Amino acid sequence: MDNSNAEFGSKLKELRNKKGFTVRQLALQAGISNSYLSQVENGKRSIPKPATLEKIAKGMHVPKEDIFLMAGISNGNDAPEWATEKDFADLEKYLNDNTKKNFEGAVLDDEAIQATLGFLRGYFWQRVIQNDKASEMTQMNDKIKNDINTIINRYHTADPFAIADKLNIDVVYAPFKQEPKGMTFNYGDQPVIALSNEIKESNQRYFVVAHELGHAVEQADLSAYYTARDHWKRELEVEADKFAVALLSELYVEQHDEMPRNWFDLVHEYGFPIIGE
């Protein structure tokens, strides 16, 4: 067992108890599974990624910086491995444009400047990661666009639960553990979508059912895609994500009579993944 994992888990458990949350309560608030949180607290899992740490912090109603500090990281300050020369050039310009040597007439000391730089770097890389993943998930091919338009025109809704019902696709809840959040399988010739009990009361169920509906609609001829090669799995999951993004964006318009302003509108409304996780 990694000592750093155990140390973080112990501190997290202590803070959770201090805030008066049970494991189940915090997991529900943070949108993660009970078993995963328990394993983290017991040092049996690695320290979560920054996006998951942020969800835990939000669930406990504490500043995310407190959880980051507990985890020994500085607000996502490190550059992703795939960062390009252009990314670093953009970072340099961004820092030069935003780092102040004084504030309201008071000259900042080196420690204050370094703290400012650390925060700005962390924010910069977080947005680079968000933009990269959001771009990947929102670039749809014509087939997905046409399929979604056909479905909405036929059934007069973009609600994935209503559409599944119209397509005679059963949506059931299953006692999955940490993963998966959902899966699609066939009963005879009919696809069935199973969602984890863990998300039954969470808005995340909308994104997961829309993602699985994407598998059922776009990959209906691939009955064994879960055993496909790794790169196929990646391609099929991305395709299902794109289907979910497009469908739920239309549902947002249907329910609010306006386009979502940004990705976080969809995170809040339908449990979209927090980009960077």
C-alpha atoms as a PDB file:
ATOM      1  CA  MET A   1       0.000   0.000   0.000  1.00  0.00           C
ATOM      2  CA  ASP A   2       1.392   3.404  -1.016  1.00  0.00           C
ATOM      3  CA  ASN A   3       2.007   5.517   2.101  1.00  0.00           C
ATOM      4  CA  SER A   4       0.856   8.689   0.350  1.00  0.00           C
ATOM      5  CA  ASN A   5      -2.431   7.021  -0.620  1.00  0.00           C
ATOM      6  CA  ALA A   6      -2.954   5.822   2.950  1.00  0.00           C
ATOM      7  CA  GLU A   7      -2.096   9.239   4.390  1.00  0.00           C
ATOM      8  CA  PHE A   8      -4.485  11.029   2.068  1.00  0.00           C
ATOM      9  CA  GLY A   9      -7.232   8.476   2.727  1.00  0.00           C
ATOM     10  CA  SER A  10      -6.858   8.882   6.474  1.00  0.00           C
ATOM     11  CA  LYS A  11      -7.051  12.670   6.250  1.00  0.00           C
ATOM     12  CA  LEU A  12     -10.060  12.498   3.942  1.00  0.00           C
ATOM     13  CA  LYS A  13     -11.882  10.144   6.304  1.00  0.00           C
ATOM     14  CA  GLU A  14     -11.104  12.408   9.253  1.00  0.00           C
ATOM     15  CA  LEU A  15     -12.451  15.454   7.399  1.00  0.00           C
ATOM     16  CA  ARG A  16     -15.571  13.578   6.262  1.00  0.00           C
ATOM     17  CA  ASN A  17     -16.329  12.520   9.835  1.00  0.00           C
ATOM     18  CA  LYS A  18     -15.698  16.052  11.064  1.00  0.00           C
ATOM     19  CA  LYS A  19     -18.213  17.370   8.518  1.00  0.00           C
ATOM     20  CA  GLY A  20     -20.770  14.784   9.646  1.00  0.00           C
ATOM     21  CA  PHE A  21     -21.087  12.789   6.424  1.00  0.00           C
ATOM     22  CA  THR A  22     -21.342   9.023   6.101  1.00  0.00           C
ATOM     23  CA  VAL A  23     -19.485   7.386   3.218  1.00  0.00           C
ATOM     24  CA  ARG A  24     -22.795   6.886   1.412  1.00  0.00           C
ATOM     25  CA  GLN A  25     -23.887  10.488   1.927  1.00  0.00           C
ATOM     26  CA  LEU A  26     -20.643  11.957   0.645  1.00  0.00           C
ATOM     27  CA  ALA A  27     -20.488   9.574  -2.316  1.00  0.00           C
ATOM     28  CA  LEU A  28     -24.022  10.599  -3.306  1.00  0.00           C
ATOM     29  CA  GLN A  29     -23.205  14.306  -2.948  1.00  0.00           C
ATOM     30  CA  ALA A  30     -19.994  13.917  -4.975  1.00  0.00           C
ATOM     31  CA  GLY A  31     -21.480  11.688  -7.672  1.00  0.00           C
ATOM     32  CA  ILE A  32     -19.049   8.817  -7.054  1.00  0.00           C
ATOM     33  CA  SER A  33     -19.602   5.264  -5.823  1.00  0.00           C
ATOM     34  CA  ASN A  34     -19.598   4.231  -2.165  1.00  0.00           C
ATOM     35  CA  SER A  35     -17.060   1.487  -2.773  1.00  0.00           C
ATOM     36  CA  TYR A  36     -14.655   3.792  -4.586  1.00  0.00           C
ATOM     37  CA  LEU A  37     -14.756   6.399  -1.808  1.00  0.00           C
ATOM     38  CA  SER A  38     -14.282   3.709   0.837  1.00  0.00           C
ATOM     39  CA  GLN A  39     -11.269   2.291  -1.014  1.00  0.00           C
ATOM     40  CA  VAL A  40      -9.735   5.760  -1.316  1.00  0.00           C
ATOM     41  CA  GLU A  41     -10.195   6.387   2.406  1.00  0.00           C
ATOM     42  CA  ASN A  42      -8.589   3.045   3.232  1.00  0.00           C
ATOM     43  CA  GLY A  43      -5.588   3.733   0.992  1.00  0.00           C
ATOM     44  CA  LYS A  44      -6.489   0.941  -1.415  1.00  0.00           C
ATOM     45  CA  ARG A  45      -6.872   3.283  -4.383  1.00  0.00           C
ATOM     46  CA  SER A  46      -4.592   5.964  -5.756  1.00  0.00           C
ATOM     47  CA  ILE A  47      -5.247   9.586  -4.866  1.00  0.00           C
ATOM     48  CA  PRO A  48      -8.072  10.675  -7.201  1.00  0.00           C
ATOM     49  CA  LYS A  49      -7.535  12.971 -10.165  1.00  0.00           C
ATOM     50  CA  PRO A  50      -8.100  16.717  -9.634  1.00  0.00           C
ATOM     51  CA  ALA A  51     -11.575  16.636 -11.200  1.00  0.00           C
ATOM     52  CA  THR A  52     -12.692  13.913  -8.766  1.00  0.00           C
ATOM     53  CA  LEU A  53     -11.072  15.722  -5.838  1.00  0.00           C
ATOM     54  CA  GLU A  54     -13.074  18.795  -6.817  1.00  0.00           C
ATOM     55  CA  LYS A  55     -16.296  16.754  -6.764  1.00  0.00           C
ATOM     56  CA  ILE A  56     -15.425  15.439  -3.287  1.00  0.00           C
ATOM     57  CA  ALA A  57     -14.710  18.974  -2.078  1.00  0.00           C
ATOM     58  CA  LYS A  58     -18.023  20.213  -3.478  1.00  0.00           C
ATOM     59  CA  GLY A  59     -19.826  17.286  -1.852  1.00  0.00           C
ATOM     60  CA  MET A  60     -18.368  18.205   1.557  1.00  0.00           C
ATOM     61  CA  HIS A  61     -18.868  21.944   1.008  1.00  0.00           C
ATOM     62  CA  VAL A  62     -15.186  22.733   1.512  1.00  0.00           C
ATOM     63  CA  PRO A  63     -12.830  24.744  -0.740  1.00  0.00           C
ATOM     64  CA  LYS A  64     -11.294  22.520  -3.395  1.00  0.00           C
ATOM     65  CA  GLU A  65      -7.888  24.003  -2.566  1.00  0.00           C
ATOM     66  CA  ASP A  66      -8.118  22.343   0.869  1.00  0.00           C
ATOM     67  CA  ILE A  67      -8.590  18.925  -0.714  1.00  0.00           C
ATOM     68  CA  PHE A  68      -5.848  19.591  -3.292  1.00  0.00           C
ATOM     69  CA  LEU A  69      -3.462  20.551  -0.501  1.00  0.00           C
ATOM     70  CA  MET A  70      -4.413  17.414   1.420  1.00  0.00           C
ATOM     71  CA  ALA A  71      -3.631  15.395  -1.716  1.00  0.00           C
ATOM     72  CA  GLY A  72      -0.261  17.115  -2.125  1.00  0.00           C
ATOM     73  CA  ILE A  73      -1.058  18.816  -5.416  1.00  0.00           C
ATOM     74  CA  SER A  74      -1.237  22.499  -6.233  1.00  0.00           C
ATOM     75  CA  ASN A  75      -4.555  23.074  -7.965  1.00  0.00           C
ATOM     76  CA  GLY A  76      -3.755  21.137 -11.145  1.00  0.00           C
ATOM     77  CA  ASN A  77      -0.542  23.069 -11.718  1.00  0.00           C
ATOM     78  CA  ASP A  78       1.189  20.433 -13.880  1.00  0.00           C
ATOM     79  CA  ALA A  79       1.056  20.471 -17.667  1.00  0.00           C
ATOM     80  CA  PRO A  80      -0.565  17.458 -19.367  1.00  0.00           C
ATOM     81  CA  GLU A  81       1.862  15.085 -21.089  1.00  0.00           C
ATOM     82  CA  TRP A  82       0.445  15.902 -24.515  1.00  0.00           C
ATOM     83  CA  ALA A  83       0.924  19.696 -24.188  1.00  0.00           C
ATOM     84  CA  THR A  84       2.319  21.191 -27.404  1.00  0.00           C
ATOM     85  CA  GLU A  85       4.858  23.971 -27.978  1.00  0.00           C
ATOM     86  CA  LYS A  86       1.937  26.214 -28.871  1.00  0.00           C
ATOM     87  CA  ASP A  87       0.292  25.403 -25.516  1.00  0.00           C
ATOM     88  CA  PHE A  88       3.443  26.472 -23.668  1.00  0.00           C
ATOM     89  CA  ALA A  89       3.711  29.633 -25.781  1.00  0.00           C
ATOM     90  CA  ASP A  90       0.078  30.419 -25.005  1.00  0.00           C
ATOM     91  CA  LEU A  91       0.794  29.830 -21.324  1.00  0.00           C
ATOM     92  CA  GLU A  92       3.736  32.245 -21.366  1.00  0.00           C
ATOM     93  CA  LYS A  93       1.644  34.969 -22.984  1.00  0.00           C
ATOM     94  CA  TYR A  94      -1.255  34.280 -20.597  1.00  0.00           C
ATOM     95  CA  LEU A  95       1.041  34.610 -17.561  1.00  0.00           C
ATOM     96  CA  ASN A  96       2.643  37.797 -18.876  1.00  0.00           C
ATOM     97  CA  ASP A  97      -0.788  39.311 -19.520  1.00  0.00           C
ATOM     98  CA  ASN A  98      -2.230  38.401 -16.121  1.00  0.00           C
ATOM     99  CA  THR A  99       0.532  38.436 -13.502  1.00  0.00           C
ATOM    100  CA  LYS A 100       0.560  41.707 -11.610  1.00  0.00           C
ATOM    101  CA  LYS A 101       3.648  42.940  -9.784  1.00  0.00           C
ATOM    102  CA  ASN A 102       1.506  45.140  -7.599  1.00  0.00           C
ATOM    103  CA  PHE A 103      -2.050  45.167  -6.364  1.00  0.00           C
ATOM    104  CA  GLU A 104      -3.880  48.391  -5.587  1.00  0.00           C
ATOM    105  CA  GLY A 105      -0.549  50.186  -5.217  1.00  0.00           C
ATOM    106  CA  ALA A 106       1.082  47.588  -2.937  1.00  0.00           C
ATOM    107  CA  VAL A 107       4.129  45.803  -4.384  1.00  0.00           C
ATOM    108  CA  LEU A 108       3.762  42.019  -4.232  1.00  0.00           C
ATOM    109  CA  ASP A 109       6.646  40.024  -2.740  1.00  0.00           C
ATOM    110  CA  ASP A 110       8.139  36.976  -4.485  1.00  0.00           C
ATOM    111  CA  GLU A 111       6.028  34.537  -2.483  1.00  0.00           C
ATOM    112  CA  ALA A 112       2.803  36.283  -3.492  1.00  0.00           C
ATOM    113  CA  ILE A 113       3.880  36.428  -7.135  1.00  0.00           C
ATOM    114  CA  GLN A 114       4.742  32.706  -7.152  1.00  0.00           C
ATOM    115  CA  ALA A 115       1.394  31.884  -5.557  1.00  0.00           C
ATOM    116  CA  THR A 116      -0.344  33.911  -8.258  1.00  0.00           C
ATOM    117  CA  LEU A 117       1.659  32.166 -10.980  1.00  0.00           C
ATOM    118  CA  GLY A 118       0.804  28.764  -9.523  1.00  0.00           C
ATOM    119  CA  PHE A 119      -2.904  29.533  -9.533  1.00  0.00           C
ATOM    120  CA  LEU A 120      -2.801  30.932 -13.081  1.00  0.00           C
ATOM    121  CA  ARG A 121      -0.883  27.908 -14.404  1.00  0.00           C
ATOM    122  CA  GLY A 122      -3.351  25.541 -12.782  1.00  0.00           C
ATOM    123  CA  TYR A 123      -6.335  27.372 -14.242  1.00  0.00           C
ATOM    124  CA  PHE A 124      -4.700  27.538 -17.672  1.00  0.00           C
ATOM    125  CA  TRP A 125      -4.015  23.780 -17.913  1.00  0.00           C
ATOM    126  CA  GLN A 126      -7.436  22.952 -16.530  1.00  0.00           C
ATOM    127  CA  ARG A 127      -9.069  24.948 -19.333  1.00  0.00           C
ATOM    128  CA  VAL A 128      -6.751  23.471 -21.986  1.00  0.00           C
ATOM    129  CA  ILE A 129      -7.790  19.976 -20.891  1.00  0.00           C
ATOM    130  CA  GLN A 130     -11.465  20.962 -20.767  1.00  0.00           C
ATOM    131  CA  ASN A 131     -11.387  22.516 -24.226  1.00  0.00           C
ATOM    132  CA  ASP A 132      -9.538  19.532 -25.730  1.00  0.00           C
ATOM    133  CA  LYS A 133     -11.997  16.967 -24.358  1.00  0.00           C
ATOM    134  CA  ALA A 134     -15.072  19.078 -25.019  1.00  0.00           C
ATOM    135  CA  SER A 135     -13.944  19.525 -28.618  1.00  0.00           C
ATOM    136  CA  GLU A 136     -13.483  15.774 -29.040  1.00  0.00           C
ATOM    137  CA  MET A 137     -16.913  15.025 -27.601  1.00  0.00           C
ATOM    138  CA  THR A 138     -18.804  17.656 -29.605  1.00  0.00           C
ATOM    139  CA  GLN A 139     -17.381  16.970 -33.081  1.00  0.00           C
ATOM    140  CA  MET A 140     -20.100  14.789 -34.590  1.00  0.00           C
ATOM    141  CA  ASN A 141     -20.272  13.011 -37.887  1.00  0.00           C
ATOM    142  CA  ASP A 142     -23.209  13.494 -40.230  1.00  0.00           C
ATOM    143  CA  LYS A 143     -24.701  10.098 -39.413  1.00  0.00           C
ATOM    144  CA  ILE A 144     -25.130  10.971 -35.708  1.00  0.00           C
ATOM    145  CA  LYS A 145     -26.675  14.343 -36.584  1.00  0.00           C
ATOM    146  CA  ASN A 146     -29.077  12.760 -39.050  1.00  0.00           C
ATOM    147  CA  ASP A 147     -30.025   9.942 -36.670  1.00  0.00           C
ATOM    148  CA  ILE A 148     -30.788  12.372 -33.854  1.00  0.00           C
ATOM    149  CA  ASN A 149     -32.809  14.657 -36.122  1.00  0.00           C
ATOM    150  CA  THR A 150     -34.805  11.648 -37.336  1.00  0.00           C
ATOM    151  CA  ILE A 151     -35.484  10.452 -33.772  1.00  0.00           C
ATOM    152  CA  ILE A 152     -36.564  13.892 -32.531  1.00  0.00           C
ATOM    153  CA  ASN A 153     -38.813  14.488 -35.547  1.00  0.00           C
ATOM    154  CA  ARG A 154     -40.407  11.071 -35.117  1.00  0.00           C
ATOM    155  CA  TYR A 155     -40.949  11.111 -31.357  1.00  0.00           C
ATOM    156  CA  HIS A 156     -41.137  14.887 -30.727  1.00  0.00           C
ATOM    157  CA  THR A 157     -38.717  14.798 -27.808  1.00  0.00           C
ATOM    158  CA  ALA A 158     -35.005  14.553 -27.045  1.00  0.00           C
ATOM    159  CA  ASP A 159     -35.570  12.909 -23.652  1.00  0.00           C
ATOM    160  CA  PRO A 160     -33.434   9.731 -23.768  1.00  0.00           C
ATOM    161  CA  PHE A 161     -35.723   7.854 -21.353  1.00  0.00           C
ATOM    162  CA  ALA A 162     -38.787   8.637 -23.459  1.00  0.00           C
ATOM    163  CA  ILE A 163     -36.941   7.722 -26.659  1.00  0.00           C
ATOM    164  CA  ALA A 164     -35.786   4.397 -25.207  1.00  0.00           C
ATOM    165  CA  ASP A 165     -39.403   3.642 -24.308  1.00  0.00           C
ATOM    166  CA  LYS A 166     -40.565   4.511 -27.838  1.00  0.00           C
ATOM    167  CA  LEU A 167     -37.873   2.216 -29.280  1.00  0.00           C
ATOM    168  CA  ASN A 168     -38.954  -0.608 -26.945  1.00  0.00           C
ATOM    169  CA  ILE A 169     -35.578  -0.544 -25.231  1.00  0.00           C
ATOM    170  CA  ASP A 170     -35.937  -1.541 -21.597  1.00  0.00           C
ATOM    171  CA  VAL A 171     -34.078   0.704 -19.125  1.00  0.00           C
ATOM    172  CA  VAL A 172     -33.420  -1.142 -15.864  1.00  0.00           C
ATOM    173  CA  TYR A 173     -31.333  -0.465 -12.764  1.00  0.00           C
ATOM    174  CA  ALA A 174     -28.707  -2.942 -11.645  1.00  0.00           C
ATOM    175  CA  PRO A 175     -26.634  -3.395  -8.458  1.00  0.00           C
ATOM    176  CA  PHE A 176     -23.326  -2.556 -10.132  1.00  0.00           C
ATOM    177  CA  LYS A 177     -20.432  -1.759  -7.830  1.00  0.00           C
ATOM    178  CA  GLN A 178     -17.969   1.018  -8.709  1.00  0.00           C
ATOM    179  CA  GLU A 179     -18.259   0.425 -12.446  1.00  0.00           C
ATOM    180  CA  PRO A 180     -19.895   0.397 -14.889  1.00  0.00           C
ATOM    181  CA  LYS A 181     -22.313   3.288 -14.545  1.00  0.00           C
ATOM    182  CA  GLY A 182     -24.265   1.732 -17.383  1.00  0.00           C
ATOM    183  CA  MET A 183     -24.110  -0.929 -20.075  1.00  0.00           C
ATOM    184  CA  THR A 184     -26.048  -2.101 -23.113  1.00  0.00           C
ATOM    185  CA  PHE A 185     -26.724  -5.758 -23.804  1.00  0.00           C
ATOM    186  CA  ASN A 186     -29.108  -7.787 -25.925  1.00  0.00           C
ATOM    187  CA  TYR A 187     -31.985  -9.943 -24.741  1.00  0.00           C
ATOM    188  CA  GLY A 188     -32.754 -11.922 -27.862  1.00  0.00           C
ATOM    189  CA  ASP A 189     -32.867  -9.326 -30.619  1.00  0.00           C
ATOM    190  CA  GLN A 190     -33.802  -6.466 -28.309  1.00  0.00           C
ATOM    191  CA  PRO A 191     -31.232  -4.152 -26.685  1.00  0.00           C
ATOM    192  CA  VAL A 192     -31.521  -3.499 -22.964  1.00  0.00           C
ATOM    193  CA  ILE A 193     -29.900  -0.591 -21.098  1.00  0.00           C
ATOM    194  CA  ALA A 194     -28.823  -1.256 -17.521  1.00  0.00           C
ATOM    195  CA  LEU A 195     -27.977   1.684 -15.265  1.00  0.00           C
ATOM    196  CA  SER A 196     -26.235   1.498 -11.926  1.00  0.00           C
ATOM    197  CA  ASN A 197     -28.384   1.900  -8.813  1.00  0.00           C
ATOM    198  CA  GLU A 198     -25.695   4.376  -7.705  1.00  0.00           C
ATOM    199  CA  ILE A 199     -27.013   6.993 -10.169  1.00  0.00           C
ATOM    200  CA  LYS A 200     -30.744   6.308  -9.839  1.00  0.00           C
ATOM    201  CA  GLU A 201     -31.384   9.569  -7.963  1.00  0.00           C
ATOM    202  CA  SER A 202     -28.650  11.556  -9.717  1.00  0.00           C
ATOM    203  CA  ASN A 203     -28.923  13.743 -12.808  1.00  0.00           C
ATOM    204  CA  GLN A 204     -25.981  11.705 -14.114  1.00  0.00           C
ATOM    205  CA  ARG A 205     -28.521   9.075 -15.162  1.00  0.00           C
ATOM    206  CA  TYR A 206     -29.443  11.307 -18.120  1.00  0.00           C
ATOM    207  CA  PHE A 207     -25.947  11.368 -19.565  1.00  0.00           C
ATOM    208  CA  VAL A 208     -25.383   7.655 -18.953  1.00  0.00           C
ATOM    209  CA  VAL A 209     -28.698   6.564 -20.506  1.00  0.00           C
ATOM    210  CA  ALA A 210     -28.103   8.877 -23.492  1.00  0.00           C
ATOM    211  CA  HIS A 211     -24.588   7.413 -23.892  1.00  0.00           C
ATOM    212  CA  GLU A 212     -25.958   3.857 -23.782  1.00  0.00           C
ATOM    213  CA  LEU A 213     -28.751   4.835 -26.167  1.00  0.00           C
ATOM    214  CA  GLY A 214     -25.966   5.937 -28.510  1.00  0.00           C
ATOM    215  CA  HIS A 215     -24.548   2.408 -28.386  1.00  0.00           C
ATOM    216  CA  ALA A 216     -27.975   0.911 -29.085  1.00  0.00           C
ATOM    217  CA  VAL A 217     -28.763   3.252 -31.998  1.00  0.00           C
ATOM    218  CA  GLU A 218     -25.364   3.794 -33.620  1.00  0.00           C
ATOM    219  CA  GLN A 219     -23.822   0.364 -32.990  1.00  0.00           C
ATOM    220  CA  ALA A 220     -26.843  -1.910 -33.224  1.00  0.00           C
ATOM    221  CA  ASP A 221     -24.969  -4.344 -35.466  1.00  0.00           C
ATOM    222  CA  LEU A 222     -22.109  -4.808 -32.967  1.00  0.00           C
ATOM    223  CA  SER A 223     -23.478  -7.216 -30.416  1.00  0.00           C
ATOM    224  CA  ALA A 224     -20.083  -7.929 -28.818  1.00  0.00           C
ATOM    225  CA  TYR A 225     -18.402  -4.549 -28.784  1.00  0.00           C
ATOM    226  CA  TYR A 226     -17.511  -4.844 -25.100  1.00  0.00           C
ATOM    227  CA  THR A 227     -15.026  -7.556 -26.035  1.00  0.00           C
ATOM    228  CA  ALA A 228     -13.637  -5.678 -29.020  1.00  0.00           C
ATOM    229  CA  ARG A 229     -10.034  -4.529 -29.267  1.00  0.00           C
ATOM    230  CA  ASP A 230      -8.947  -1.600 -27.125  1.00  0.00           C
ATOM    231  CA  HIS A 231      -8.836   0.970 -29.926  1.00  0.00           C
ATOM    232  CA  TRP A 232     -12.298  -0.118 -31.049  1.00  0.00           C
ATOM    233  CA  LYS A 233     -13.591   0.340 -27.529  1.00  0.00           C
ATOM    234  CA  ARG A 234     -12.171   3.854 -27.500  1.00  0.00           C
ATOM    235  CA  GLU A 235     -13.763   4.758 -30.831  1.00  0.00           C
ATOM    236  CA  LEU A 236     -17.141   3.317 -29.875  1.00  0.00           C
ATOM    237  CA  GLU A 237     -17.185   5.068 -26.498  1.00  0.00           C
ATOM    238  CA  VAL A 238     -16.332   8.409 -28.102  1.00  0.00           C
ATOM    239  CA  GLU A 239     -19.096   7.891 -30.659  1.00  0.00           C
ATOM    240  CA  ALA A 240     -21.603   7.157 -27.872  1.00  0.00           C
ATOM    241  CA  ASP A 241     -20.408  10.271 -25.992  1.00  0.00           C
ATOM    242  CA  LYS A 242     -20.978  12.400 -29.089  1.00  0.00           C
ATOM    243  CA  PHE A 243     -24.480  10.980 -29.467  1.00  0.00           C
ATOM    244  CA  ALA A 244     -25.230  11.822 -25.810  1.00  0.00           C
ATOM    245  CA  VAL A 245     -23.854  15.363 -26.123  1.00  0.00           C
ATOM    246  CA  ALA A 246     -25.924  16.077 -29.236  1.00  0.00           C
ATOM    247  CA  LEU A 247     -29.120  14.533 -27.897  1.00  0.00           C
ATOM    248  CA  LEU A 248     -28.994  16.212 -24.476  1.00  0.00           C
ATOM    249  CA  SER A 249     -28.092  19.575 -25.991  1.00  0.00           C
ATOM    250  CA  GLU A 250     -31.371  19.288 -27.901  1.00  0.00           C
ATOM    251  CA  LEU A 251     -33.154  18.297 -24.682  1.00  0.00           C
ATOM    252  CA  TYR A 252     -31.784  21.425 -22.998  1.00  0.00           C
ATOM    253  CA  VAL A 253     -33.286  23.544 -25.784  1.00  0.00           C
ATOM    254  CA  GLU A 254     -36.555  21.622 -25.481  1.00  0.00           C
ATOM    255  CA  GLN A 255     -36.759  22.269 -21.727  1.00  0.00           C
ATOM    256  CA  HIS A 256     -35.291  25.784 -21.524  1.00  0.00           C
ATOM    257  CA  ASP A 257     -36.083  27.285 -24.930  1.00  0.00           C
ATOM    258  CA  GLU A 258     -32.459  28.343 -25.351  1.00  0.00           C
ATOM    259  CA  MET A 259     -29.089  26.798 -26.116  1.00  0.00           C
ATOM    260  CA  PRO A 260     -26.856  25.862 -23.173  1.00  0.00           C
ATOM    261  CA  ARG A 261     -24.409  28.689 -22.492  1.00  0.00           C
ATOM    262  CA  ASN A 262     -21.483  26.376 -21.846  1.00  0.00           C
ATOM    263  CA  TRP A 263     -20.482  22.845 -20.936  1.00  0.00           C
ATOM    264  CA  PHE A 264     -21.214  23.399 -17.246  1.00  0.00           C
ATOM    265  CA  ASP A 265     -24.905  24.028 -17.949  1.00  0.00           C
ATOM    266  CA  LEU A 266     -24.987  20.431 -19.182  1.00  0.00           C
ATOM    267  CA  VAL A 267     -22.893  19.200 -16.247  1.00  0.00           C
ATOM    268  CA  HIS A 268     -25.426  20.715 -13.854  1.00  0.00           C
ATOM    269  CA  GLU A 269     -28.548  19.723 -15.760  1.00  0.00           C
ATOM    270  CA  TYR A 270     -27.763  16.232 -17.024  1.00  0.00           C
ATOM    271  CA  GLY A 271     -24.666  14.999 -15.187  1.00  0.00           C
ATOM    272  CA  PHE A 272     -22.234  15.481 -18.060  1.00  0.00           C
ATOM    273  CA  PRO A 273     -18.725  14.408 -17.072  1.00  0.00           C
ATOM    274  CA  ILE A 274     -16.564  17.171 -15.671  1.00  0.00           C
ATOM    275  CA  ILE A 275     -13.957  17.610 -18.366  1.00  0.00           C
ATOM    276  CA  GLY A 276     -10.475  16.666 -17.191  1.00  0.00           C
ATOM    277  CA  GLU A 277     -11.626  13.767 -15.076  1.00  0.00           C
END
